[in-house]
């Protein structure tokens, strides 16, 4: 069994998921969830607190591979330097932590690369399409989390994105697609 930990990182919600590949190259969904980095304290305190939470997750899961949705360097209409710097700080901290714990670099893929790699139609899937798309690929019912009022939490999109990044890498590992990296 090969265990893949997928991570969708931001400074407000970090989605993570676990997929496994068995000896017949079947990809199996294991779990997905999210954490909320603290909003209190300095940026260094927030990063350190998040590092501790992610370290526990990695140590508990014991993945063979960590795959992270890479940072977007520009977000039209929403890309302030502060936003990108904060996002980059969290993203690279998780990458470095993964490197330290697994003794190898995590895989980083852009959202566009991931969406192109897992799409089922000609059109590129939108963020809100990802839960059902990964469900189709994995033959599962997406494990939506609901709030106290019974409404689907917005964090489900981050969880689904973490499944998508893990799924994309599983496709590479099982030779269903070729990596665009050198």
N, C-alpha and C. Protein backbone atom coordinates (compact mmCIF):
# COMPACT_ATOMS: atom_id res chain seq x y z
N UNK A 1 0.83 -1.18 0.00
CA UNK A 1 0.00 0.00 0.00
C UNK A 1 0.88 1.25 0.00
N UNK A 2 0.47 2.20 -0.82
CA UNK A 2 1.12 3.51 -0.84
C UNK A 2 0.12 4.52 -0.33
N UNK A 3 0.52 5.29 0.67
CA UNK A 3 -0.38 6.26 1.28
C UNK A 3 0.02 7.67 0.85
N UNK A 4 -0.97 8.42 0.35
CA UNK A 4 -0.73 9.78 -0.15
C UNK A 4 -1.55 10.75 0.68
N UNK A 5 -0.87 11.75 1.24
CA UNK A 5 -1.51 12.82 1.99
C UNK A 5 -1.59 14.04 1.08
N UNK A 6 -2.81 14.48 0.78
CA UNK A 6 -3.03 15.67 -0.03
C UNK A 6 -3.36 16.85 0.85
N UNK A 7 -2.81 18.01 0.52
CA UNK A 7 -3.04 19.21 1.34
C UNK A 7 -3.39 20.39 0.44
N UNK A 8 -4.50 21.04 0.80
CA UNK A 8 -4.91 22.31 0.20
C UNK A 8 -4.70 23.36 1.28
N UNK A 9 -3.73 24.23 1.08
CA UNK A 9 -3.28 25.13 2.13
C UNK A 9 -3.73 26.57 1.91
N UNK A 10 -4.24 27.16 2.97
CA UNK A 10 -4.42 28.61 3.01
C UNK A 10 -4.18 29.04 4.45
N UNK A 11 -4.25 30.32 4.70
CA UNK A 11 -4.03 30.80 6.06
C UNK A 11 -5.31 30.79 6.88
N UNK A 12 -6.44 30.42 6.26
CA UNK A 12 -7.71 30.37 6.98
C UNK A 12 -8.26 28.95 7.14
N UNK A 13 -8.04 28.10 6.14
CA UNK A 13 -8.49 26.71 6.19
C UNK A 13 -7.48 25.84 5.47
N UNK A 14 -7.11 24.73 6.09
CA UNK A 14 -6.21 23.77 5.45
C UNK A 14 -6.97 22.46 5.35
N UNK A 15 -7.30 22.09 4.11
CA UNK A 15 -7.94 20.81 3.88
C UNK A 15 -6.87 19.75 3.72
N UNK A 16 -7.14 18.55 4.24
CA UNK A 16 -6.19 17.45 4.04
C UNK A 16 -6.96 16.15 3.83
N UNK A 17 -6.34 15.26 3.08
CA UNK A 17 -6.99 13.99 2.77
C UNK A 17 -5.96 12.88 2.64
N UNK A 18 -6.44 11.66 2.75
CA UNK A 18 -5.59 10.49 2.61
C UNK A 18 -6.21 9.57 1.57
N UNK A 19 -5.38 9.20 0.58
CA UNK A 19 -5.74 8.20 -0.41
C UNK A 19 -4.69 7.10 -0.34
N UNK A 20 -5.09 5.88 -0.69
CA UNK A 20 -4.15 4.77 -0.74
C UNK A 20 -4.20 4.11 -2.11
N UNK A 21 -3.05 3.62 -2.52
CA UNK A 21 -2.95 2.85 -3.76
C UNK A 21 -2.54 1.44 -3.37
N UNK A 22 -3.34 0.45 -3.79
CA UNK A 22 -3.01 -0.93 -3.45
C UNK A 22 -2.12 -1.56 -4.52
N UNK A 23 -1.80 -2.82 -4.34
CA UNK A 23 -0.86 -3.51 -5.25
C UNK A 23 -1.40 -3.66 -6.67
N UNK A 24 -2.72 -3.53 -6.85
CA UNK A 24 -3.29 -3.60 -8.20
C UNK A 24 -3.51 -2.21 -8.80
N UNK A 25 -2.90 -1.18 -8.18
CA UNK A 25 -3.01 0.22 -8.61
C UNK A 25 -4.41 0.79 -8.48
N UNK A 26 -5.21 0.23 -7.58
CA UNK A 26 -6.52 0.79 -7.28
C UNK A 26 -6.34 1.91 -6.26
N UNK A 27 -6.95 3.04 -6.55
CA UNK A 27 -6.87 4.20 -5.66
C UNK A 27 -8.09 4.19 -4.75
N UNK A 28 -7.84 4.25 -3.46
CA UNK A 28 -8.92 4.16 -2.47
C UNK A 28 -8.95 5.40 -1.59
N UNK A 29 -10.13 5.97 -1.42
CA UNK A 29 -10.34 7.10 -0.51
C UNK A 29 -10.32 6.57 0.92
N UNK A 30 -9.54 7.22 1.79
CA UNK A 30 -9.49 6.85 3.20
C UNK A 30 -10.21 7.88 4.06
N UNK A 31 -9.84 9.16 3.90
CA UNK A 31 -10.46 10.20 4.73
C UNK A 31 -10.12 11.59 4.21
N UNK A 32 -10.89 12.56 4.69
CA UNK A 32 -10.55 13.97 4.47
C UNK A 32 -11.12 14.78 5.62
N UNK A 33 -10.48 15.89 5.89
CA UNK A 33 -10.89 16.77 6.98
C UNK A 33 -10.23 18.12 6.76
N UNK A 34 -10.32 18.98 7.75
CA UNK A 34 -9.67 20.28 7.65
C UNK A 34 -9.30 20.78 9.04
N UNK A 35 -8.36 21.72 9.07
CA UNK A 35 -8.04 22.45 10.29
C UNK A 35 -8.17 23.93 9.99
N UNK A 36 -8.37 24.69 11.04
CA UNK A 36 -8.46 26.15 10.93
C UNK A 36 -7.27 26.74 11.67
N UNK A 37 -6.30 27.29 10.93
CA UNK A 37 -5.20 27.97 11.62
C UNK A 37 -5.73 29.10 12.50
N UNK A 38 -5.09 29.28 13.64
CA UNK A 38 -5.52 30.35 14.53
C UNK A 38 -5.38 31.71 13.86
N UNK A 39 -6.27 32.61 14.21
CA UNK A 39 -6.19 33.98 13.69
C UNK A 39 -5.61 34.91 14.73
N UNK A 40 -5.32 34.38 15.91
CA UNK A 40 -4.80 35.19 17.01
C UNK A 40 -3.28 35.14 17.04
N UNK A 41 -2.69 36.24 17.43
CA UNK A 41 -1.25 36.30 17.59
C UNK A 41 -0.54 36.79 16.34
N UNK A 42 0.77 36.84 16.45
CA UNK A 42 1.60 37.32 15.35
C UNK A 42 1.62 36.28 14.24
N UNK A 43 2.10 36.67 13.09
CA UNK A 43 2.19 35.74 11.96
C UNK A 43 3.09 34.56 12.31
N UNK A 44 4.17 34.80 13.03
CA UNK A 44 5.05 33.70 13.41
C UNK A 44 4.38 32.75 14.40
N UNK A 45 3.62 33.29 15.33
CA UNK A 45 2.87 32.44 16.26
C UNK A 45 1.85 31.60 15.50
N UNK A 46 1.14 32.21 14.55
CA UNK A 46 0.12 31.50 13.76
C UNK A 46 0.76 30.38 12.93
N UNK A 47 1.90 30.67 12.32
CA UNK A 47 2.60 29.66 11.52
C UNK A 47 3.09 28.52 12.41
N UNK A 48 3.66 28.85 13.56
CA UNK A 48 4.17 27.82 14.48
C UNK A 48 3.02 26.95 15.00
N UNK A 49 1.91 27.55 15.36
CA UNK A 49 0.75 26.80 15.83
C UNK A 49 0.24 25.85 14.75
N UNK A 50 0.17 26.35 13.52
CA UNK A 50 -0.28 25.52 12.39
C UNK A 50 0.72 24.41 12.12
N UNK A 51 2.00 24.72 12.20
CA UNK A 51 3.04 23.69 12.00
C UNK A 51 2.83 22.54 12.98
N UNK A 52 2.55 22.87 14.24
CA UNK A 52 2.35 21.83 15.25
C UNK A 52 1.15 20.95 14.92
N UNK A 53 0.08 21.56 14.42
CA UNK A 53 -1.13 20.80 14.05
C UNK A 53 -0.85 19.89 12.85
N UNK A 54 -0.15 20.43 11.86
CA UNK A 54 0.16 19.64 10.66
C UNK A 54 1.16 18.53 11.00
N UNK A 55 2.11 18.83 11.87
CA UNK A 55 3.08 17.81 12.28
C UNK A 55 2.36 16.61 12.90
N UNK A 56 1.38 16.87 13.75
CA UNK A 56 0.61 15.78 14.37
C UNK A 56 -0.12 14.97 13.31
N UNK A 57 -0.72 15.66 12.34
CA UNK A 57 -1.44 14.97 11.26
C UNK A 57 -0.50 14.06 10.47
N UNK A 58 0.66 14.60 10.07
CA UNK A 58 1.62 13.81 9.29
C UNK A 58 2.12 12.62 10.10
N UNK A 59 2.43 12.83 11.37
CA UNK A 59 2.93 11.73 12.20
C UNK A 59 1.85 10.67 12.42
N UNK A 60 0.59 11.08 12.57
CA UNK A 60 -0.51 10.12 12.75
C UNK A 60 -0.78 9.32 11.47
N UNK A 61 -0.75 9.99 10.33
CA UNK A 61 -1.08 9.35 9.06
C UNK A 61 0.07 8.51 8.52
N UNK A 62 1.30 8.97 8.74
CA UNK A 62 2.49 8.28 8.23
C UNK A 62 2.41 8.05 6.71
N UNK A 63 2.28 9.14 5.95
CA UNK A 63 2.17 8.98 4.49
C UNK A 63 3.50 8.61 3.84
N UNK A 64 3.39 7.99 2.68
CA UNK A 64 4.57 7.75 1.86
C UNK A 64 4.90 8.99 1.03
N UNK A 65 3.86 9.75 0.70
CA UNK A 65 4.01 10.96 -0.10
C UNK A 65 3.12 12.06 0.46
N UNK A 66 3.63 13.29 0.41
CA UNK A 66 2.82 14.47 0.71
C UNK A 66 2.74 15.28 -0.57
N UNK A 67 1.52 15.70 -0.91
CA UNK A 67 1.28 16.47 -2.12
C UNK A 67 0.53 17.73 -1.71
N UNK A 68 1.02 18.87 -2.16
CA UNK A 68 0.45 20.16 -1.76
C UNK A 68 0.03 20.95 -2.99
N UNK A 69 -1.18 21.51 -2.93
CA UNK A 69 -1.58 22.44 -3.99
C UNK A 69 -0.69 23.66 -3.86
N UNK A 70 0.03 23.97 -4.92
CA UNK A 70 1.00 25.05 -4.89
C UNK A 70 0.31 26.41 -4.81
N UNK A 71 1.07 27.41 -4.43
CA UNK A 71 0.54 28.76 -4.29
C UNK A 71 0.20 29.35 -5.65
N UNK A 72 -0.78 30.21 -5.62
CA UNK A 72 -1.12 31.00 -6.81
C UNK A 72 -0.38 32.32 -6.65
N UNK A 73 0.40 32.68 -7.63
CA UNK A 73 1.20 33.89 -7.50
C UNK A 73 0.42 35.16 -7.78
N UNK A 74 -0.72 35.01 -8.45
CA UNK A 74 -1.54 36.18 -8.74
C UNK A 74 -3.00 35.76 -8.78
N UNK A 75 -3.83 36.47 -8.02
CA UNK A 75 -5.26 36.21 -8.04
C UNK A 75 -5.95 37.48 -8.50
N UNK A 76 -6.44 37.48 -9.71
CA UNK A 76 -7.07 38.67 -10.29
C UNK A 76 -8.15 39.23 -9.37
N UNK A 77 -8.00 40.48 -9.01
CA UNK A 77 -8.98 41.13 -8.15
C UNK A 77 -8.84 40.83 -6.68
N UNK A 78 -7.95 39.90 -6.31
CA UNK A 78 -7.83 39.53 -4.91
C UNK A 78 -6.38 39.36 -4.47
N UNK A 79 -5.45 39.68 -5.32
CA UNK A 79 -4.06 39.38 -5.00
C UNK A 79 -3.35 40.59 -4.42
N UNK A 80 -3.47 40.75 -3.12
CA UNK A 80 -2.66 41.77 -2.47
C UNK A 80 -1.34 41.11 -2.07
N UNK A 81 -0.33 41.91 -1.94
CA UNK A 81 0.97 41.37 -1.54
C UNK A 81 0.85 40.68 -0.18
N UNK A 82 0.08 41.27 0.74
CA UNK A 82 -0.09 40.68 2.07
C UNK A 82 -0.73 39.30 1.98
N UNK A 83 -1.76 39.15 1.16
CA UNK A 83 -2.43 37.86 0.99
C UNK A 83 -1.47 36.81 0.46
N UNK A 84 -0.73 37.16 -0.58
CA UNK A 84 0.18 36.21 -1.20
C UNK A 84 1.34 35.85 -0.28
N UNK A 85 1.87 36.82 0.45
CA UNK A 85 2.97 36.56 1.38
C UNK A 85 2.50 35.63 2.50
N UNK A 86 1.31 35.88 3.04
CA UNK A 86 0.78 35.03 4.12
C UNK A 86 0.55 33.61 3.61
N UNK A 87 -0.10 33.49 2.47
CA UNK A 87 -0.37 32.18 1.89
C UNK A 87 0.94 31.43 1.63
N UNK A 88 1.90 32.12 1.07
CA UNK A 88 3.20 31.51 0.77
C UNK A 88 3.88 31.03 2.05
N UNK A 89 3.79 31.83 3.11
CA UNK A 89 4.42 31.45 4.38
C UNK A 89 3.85 30.14 4.91
N UNK A 90 2.53 30.01 4.91
CA UNK A 90 1.89 28.78 5.39
C UNK A 90 2.22 27.61 4.46
N UNK A 91 2.12 27.84 3.17
CA UNK A 91 2.34 26.79 2.18
C UNK A 91 3.76 26.23 2.27
N UNK A 92 4.73 27.10 2.31
CA UNK A 92 6.12 26.66 2.34
C UNK A 92 6.50 26.07 3.69
N UNK A 93 5.87 26.54 4.77
CA UNK A 93 6.12 25.94 6.08
C UNK A 93 5.68 24.49 6.06
N UNK A 94 4.50 24.21 5.47
CA UNK A 94 4.01 22.83 5.39
C UNK A 94 4.93 22.01 4.50
N UNK A 95 5.40 22.60 3.41
CA UNK A 95 6.34 21.89 2.55
C UNK A 95 7.63 21.54 3.26
N UNK A 96 8.18 22.49 4.01
CA UNK A 96 9.42 22.24 4.74
C UNK A 96 9.21 21.22 5.85
N UNK A 97 8.09 21.31 6.55
CA UNK A 97 7.78 20.33 7.59
C UNK A 97 7.68 18.93 6.99
N UNK A 98 7.01 18.81 5.87
CA UNK A 98 6.89 17.52 5.19
C UNK A 98 8.27 17.00 4.80
N UNK A 99 9.10 17.87 4.28
CA UNK A 99 10.47 17.51 3.91
C UNK A 99 11.23 16.98 5.12
N UNK A 100 11.11 17.68 6.24
CA UNK A 100 11.81 17.27 7.46
C UNK A 100 11.32 15.91 7.96
N UNK A 101 10.02 15.69 7.93
CA UNK A 101 9.45 14.46 8.48
C UNK A 101 9.62 13.25 7.56
N UNK A 102 9.50 13.45 6.25
CA UNK A 102 9.58 12.33 5.30
C UNK A 102 10.98 12.18 4.68
N UNK A 103 11.83 13.15 4.88
CA UNK A 103 13.18 13.15 4.31
C UNK A 103 13.16 13.16 2.79
N UNK A 104 12.09 13.76 2.22
CA UNK A 104 12.01 13.97 0.78
C UNK A 104 11.05 15.12 0.53
N UNK A 105 11.24 15.77 -0.61
CA UNK A 105 10.41 16.93 -0.93
C UNK A 105 8.97 16.52 -1.18
N UNK A 106 8.03 17.35 -0.70
CA UNK A 106 6.64 17.09 -1.08
C UNK A 106 6.45 17.46 -2.55
N UNK A 107 5.43 16.92 -3.16
CA UNK A 107 5.10 17.27 -4.53
C UNK A 107 4.22 18.51 -4.51
N UNK A 108 4.48 19.44 -5.41
CA UNK A 108 3.71 20.68 -5.51
C UNK A 108 3.12 20.77 -6.91
N UNK A 109 1.80 21.00 -6.99
CA UNK A 109 1.14 21.13 -8.28
C UNK A 109 0.19 22.32 -8.25
N UNK A 110 0.14 23.05 -9.34
CA UNK A 110 -0.77 24.20 -9.43
C UNK A 110 -2.20 23.72 -9.55
N UNK A 111 -3.13 24.57 -9.16
CA UNK A 111 -4.55 24.24 -9.24
C UNK A 111 -4.96 23.94 -10.68
N UNK A 112 -4.40 24.65 -11.64
CA UNK A 112 -4.75 24.42 -13.05
C UNK A 112 -4.24 23.06 -13.53
N UNK A 113 -3.04 22.69 -13.12
CA UNK A 113 -2.49 21.38 -13.48
C UNK A 113 -3.36 20.27 -12.90
N UNK A 114 -3.75 20.44 -11.65
CA UNK A 114 -4.59 19.44 -10.98
C UNK A 114 -5.94 19.31 -11.69
N UNK A 115 -6.58 20.44 -11.94
CA UNK A 115 -7.91 20.40 -12.57
C UNK A 115 -7.86 19.82 -13.98
N UNK A 116 -6.82 20.15 -14.74
CA UNK A 116 -6.66 19.55 -16.07
C UNK A 116 -6.46 18.04 -15.96
N UNK A 117 -5.72 17.62 -14.94
CA UNK A 117 -5.40 16.21 -14.79
C UNK A 117 -6.55 15.33 -14.33
N UNK A 118 -7.53 15.92 -13.64
CA UNK A 118 -8.63 15.10 -13.12
C UNK A 118 -9.97 15.36 -13.81
N UNK A 119 -10.00 16.29 -14.76
CA UNK A 119 -11.27 16.61 -15.41
C UNK A 119 -11.80 15.42 -16.20
N UNK A 120 -13.12 15.32 -16.29
CA UNK A 120 -13.77 14.25 -17.04
C UNK A 120 -14.36 14.75 -18.35
N UNK A 121 -14.52 16.06 -18.45
CA UNK A 121 -15.07 16.67 -19.66
C UNK A 121 -14.04 17.61 -20.26
N UNK A 122 -14.37 18.17 -21.40
CA UNK A 122 -13.46 19.11 -22.06
C UNK A 122 -13.27 20.37 -21.21
N UNK A 123 -14.37 20.83 -20.60
CA UNK A 123 -14.30 22.05 -19.79
C UNK A 123 -13.56 21.79 -18.48
N UNK A 124 -12.91 22.83 -18.01
CA UNK A 124 -12.21 22.76 -16.73
C UNK A 124 -13.23 22.84 -15.60
N UNK A 125 -13.14 21.96 -14.61
CA UNK A 125 -14.10 22.03 -13.50
C UNK A 125 -13.87 23.28 -12.65
N UNK A 126 -14.96 23.82 -12.11
CA UNK A 126 -14.89 24.95 -11.18
C UNK A 126 -14.66 24.41 -9.77
N UNK A 127 -14.25 25.29 -8.88
CA UNK A 127 -13.98 24.89 -7.49
C UNK A 127 -15.17 24.16 -6.88
N UNK A 128 -16.37 24.65 -7.13
CA UNK A 128 -17.56 24.04 -6.53
C UNK A 128 -17.92 22.69 -7.16
N UNK A 129 -17.29 22.35 -8.28
CA UNK A 129 -17.51 21.04 -8.93
C UNK A 129 -16.61 19.94 -8.38
N UNK A 130 -15.58 20.32 -7.66
CA UNK A 130 -14.55 19.36 -7.26
C UNK A 130 -15.06 18.25 -6.33
N UNK A 131 -15.93 18.53 -5.34
CA UNK A 131 -16.39 17.41 -4.50
C UNK A 131 -17.04 16.28 -5.30
N UNK A 132 -17.90 16.63 -6.22
CA UNK A 132 -18.58 15.59 -7.00
C UNK A 132 -17.64 14.95 -8.01
N UNK A 133 -16.69 15.73 -8.53
CA UNK A 133 -15.72 15.18 -9.49
C UNK A 133 -14.83 14.12 -8.83
N UNK A 134 -14.28 14.43 -7.67
CA UNK A 134 -13.43 13.44 -6.99
C UNK A 134 -14.26 12.24 -6.54
N UNK A 135 -15.52 12.47 -6.20
CA UNK A 135 -16.42 11.37 -5.84
C UNK A 135 -16.61 10.40 -6.99
N UNK A 136 -16.77 10.94 -8.20
CA UNK A 136 -16.91 10.09 -9.39
C UNK A 136 -15.65 9.27 -9.63
N UNK A 137 -14.51 9.93 -9.54
CA UNK A 137 -13.24 9.22 -9.77
C UNK A 137 -13.03 8.10 -8.75
N UNK A 138 -13.40 8.35 -7.50
CA UNK A 138 -13.11 7.40 -6.43
C UNK A 138 -14.29 6.48 -6.11
N UNK A 139 -15.40 6.69 -6.82
CA UNK A 139 -16.60 5.89 -6.61
C UNK A 139 -17.06 5.93 -5.14
N UNK A 140 -17.15 7.15 -4.62
CA UNK A 140 -17.58 7.36 -3.24
C UNK A 140 -18.66 8.44 -3.21
N UNK A 141 -19.32 8.54 -2.08
CA UNK A 141 -20.19 9.67 -1.81
C UNK A 141 -19.33 10.64 -1.00
N UNK A 142 -19.20 11.89 -1.49
CA UNK A 142 -18.32 12.82 -0.78
C UNK A 142 -18.82 13.00 0.66
N UNK A 143 -17.90 12.94 1.63
CA UNK A 143 -18.28 13.03 3.05
C UNK A 143 -18.48 14.48 3.51
N UNK A 144 -19.52 15.12 2.97
CA UNK A 144 -19.78 16.51 3.32
C UNK A 144 -19.96 16.67 4.83
N UNK A 145 -19.34 17.72 5.36
CA UNK A 145 -19.56 18.10 6.75
C UNK A 145 -20.59 19.22 6.77
N UNK A 146 -21.50 19.17 7.75
CA UNK A 146 -22.56 20.17 7.85
C UNK A 146 -22.45 20.92 9.16
N UNK A 147 -22.97 22.16 9.13
CA UNK A 147 -22.98 22.96 10.35
C UNK A 147 -24.19 22.57 11.21
N UNK A 148 -24.37 23.27 12.32
CA UNK A 148 -25.46 22.95 13.26
C UNK A 148 -26.84 23.11 12.64
N UNK A 149 -26.94 23.96 11.62
CA UNK A 149 -28.23 24.17 10.95
C UNK A 149 -28.46 23.17 9.82
N UNK A 150 -27.50 22.28 9.60
CA UNK A 150 -27.64 21.27 8.56
C UNK A 150 -27.17 21.71 7.18
N UNK A 151 -26.56 22.89 7.11
CA UNK A 151 -26.05 23.38 5.83
C UNK A 151 -24.62 22.89 5.61
N UNK A 152 -24.27 22.67 4.35
CA UNK A 152 -22.93 22.22 4.01
C UNK A 152 -21.92 23.33 4.32
N UNK A 153 -20.88 22.97 5.05
CA UNK A 153 -19.84 23.94 5.42
C UNK A 153 -19.00 24.32 4.20
N UNK A 154 -18.58 25.58 4.12
CA UNK A 154 -17.72 25.99 3.00
C UNK A 154 -16.37 25.28 3.00
N UNK A 155 -15.94 24.77 4.14
CA UNK A 155 -14.65 24.08 4.25
C UNK A 155 -14.62 22.77 3.44
N UNK A 156 -15.80 22.28 3.05
CA UNK A 156 -15.85 21.08 2.22
C UNK A 156 -15.10 21.28 0.90
N UNK A 157 -15.10 22.52 0.40
CA UNK A 157 -14.38 22.79 -0.85
C UNK A 157 -12.87 22.64 -0.66
N UNK A 158 -12.38 23.03 0.51
CA UNK A 158 -10.95 22.86 0.81
C UNK A 158 -10.61 21.38 0.99
N UNK A 159 -11.51 20.65 1.62
CA UNK A 159 -11.30 19.21 1.77
C UNK A 159 -11.28 18.55 0.39
N UNK A 160 -12.23 18.93 -0.47
CA UNK A 160 -12.29 18.36 -1.82
C UNK A 160 -11.04 18.71 -2.62
N UNK A 161 -10.55 19.93 -2.47
CA UNK A 161 -9.32 20.31 -3.17
C UNK A 161 -8.13 19.47 -2.69
N UNK A 162 -8.12 19.12 -1.42
CA UNK A 162 -7.03 18.26 -0.93
C UNK A 162 -7.14 16.86 -1.53
N UNK A 163 -8.37 16.38 -1.70
CA UNK A 163 -8.56 15.08 -2.35
C UNK A 163 -8.10 15.18 -3.81
N UNK A 164 -8.43 16.29 -4.46
CA UNK A 164 -8.05 16.47 -5.88
C UNK A 164 -6.55 16.45 -6.05
N UNK A 165 -5.81 17.11 -5.19
CA UNK A 165 -4.35 17.14 -5.33
C UNK A 165 -3.76 15.76 -5.06
N UNK A 166 -4.30 15.05 -4.08
CA UNK A 166 -3.84 13.68 -3.80
C UNK A 166 -4.18 12.76 -4.97
N UNK A 167 -5.40 12.91 -5.50
CA UNK A 167 -5.84 12.08 -6.62
C UNK A 167 -4.97 12.31 -7.85
N UNK A 168 -4.66 13.56 -8.13
CA UNK A 168 -3.79 13.88 -9.27
C UNK A 168 -2.46 13.14 -9.13
N UNK A 169 -1.87 13.19 -7.96
CA UNK A 169 -0.58 12.52 -7.77
C UNK A 169 -0.73 11.00 -7.83
N UNK A 170 -1.83 10.48 -7.32
CA UNK A 170 -2.09 9.03 -7.45
C UNK A 170 -2.19 8.64 -8.91
N UNK A 171 -2.79 9.49 -9.73
CA UNK A 171 -2.85 9.22 -11.18
C UNK A 171 -1.45 9.13 -11.77
N UNK A 172 -0.55 9.99 -11.30
CA UNK A 172 0.84 9.94 -11.78
C UNK A 172 1.51 8.65 -11.31
N UNK A 173 1.33 8.32 -10.04
CA UNK A 173 1.97 7.12 -9.49
C UNK A 173 1.48 5.84 -10.15
N UNK A 174 0.23 5.84 -10.60
CA UNK A 174 -0.36 4.64 -11.22
C UNK A 174 -0.30 4.70 -12.75
N UNK A 175 0.43 5.68 -13.27
CA UNK A 175 0.62 5.86 -14.71
C UNK A 175 -0.67 6.11 -15.49
N UNK A 176 -1.67 6.68 -14.81
CA UNK A 176 -2.90 7.07 -15.52
C UNK A 176 -2.71 8.38 -16.28
N UNK A 177 -1.78 9.21 -15.78
CA UNK A 177 -1.38 10.43 -16.48
C UNK A 177 0.12 10.60 -16.30
N UNK A 178 0.71 11.39 -17.15
CA UNK A 178 2.14 11.68 -17.05
C UNK A 178 2.32 13.01 -16.33
N UNK A 179 3.33 13.09 -15.51
CA UNK A 179 3.64 14.32 -14.80
C UNK A 179 4.16 15.36 -15.77
N UNK A 180 3.79 16.60 -15.53
CA UNK A 180 4.29 17.70 -16.36
C UNK A 180 5.58 18.26 -15.81
N UNK A 181 6.05 17.68 -14.70
CA UNK A 181 7.31 18.14 -14.11
C UNK A 181 8.47 17.40 -14.74
N UNK A 182 9.63 18.03 -14.67
CA UNK A 182 10.84 17.40 -15.22
C UNK A 182 11.44 16.47 -14.22
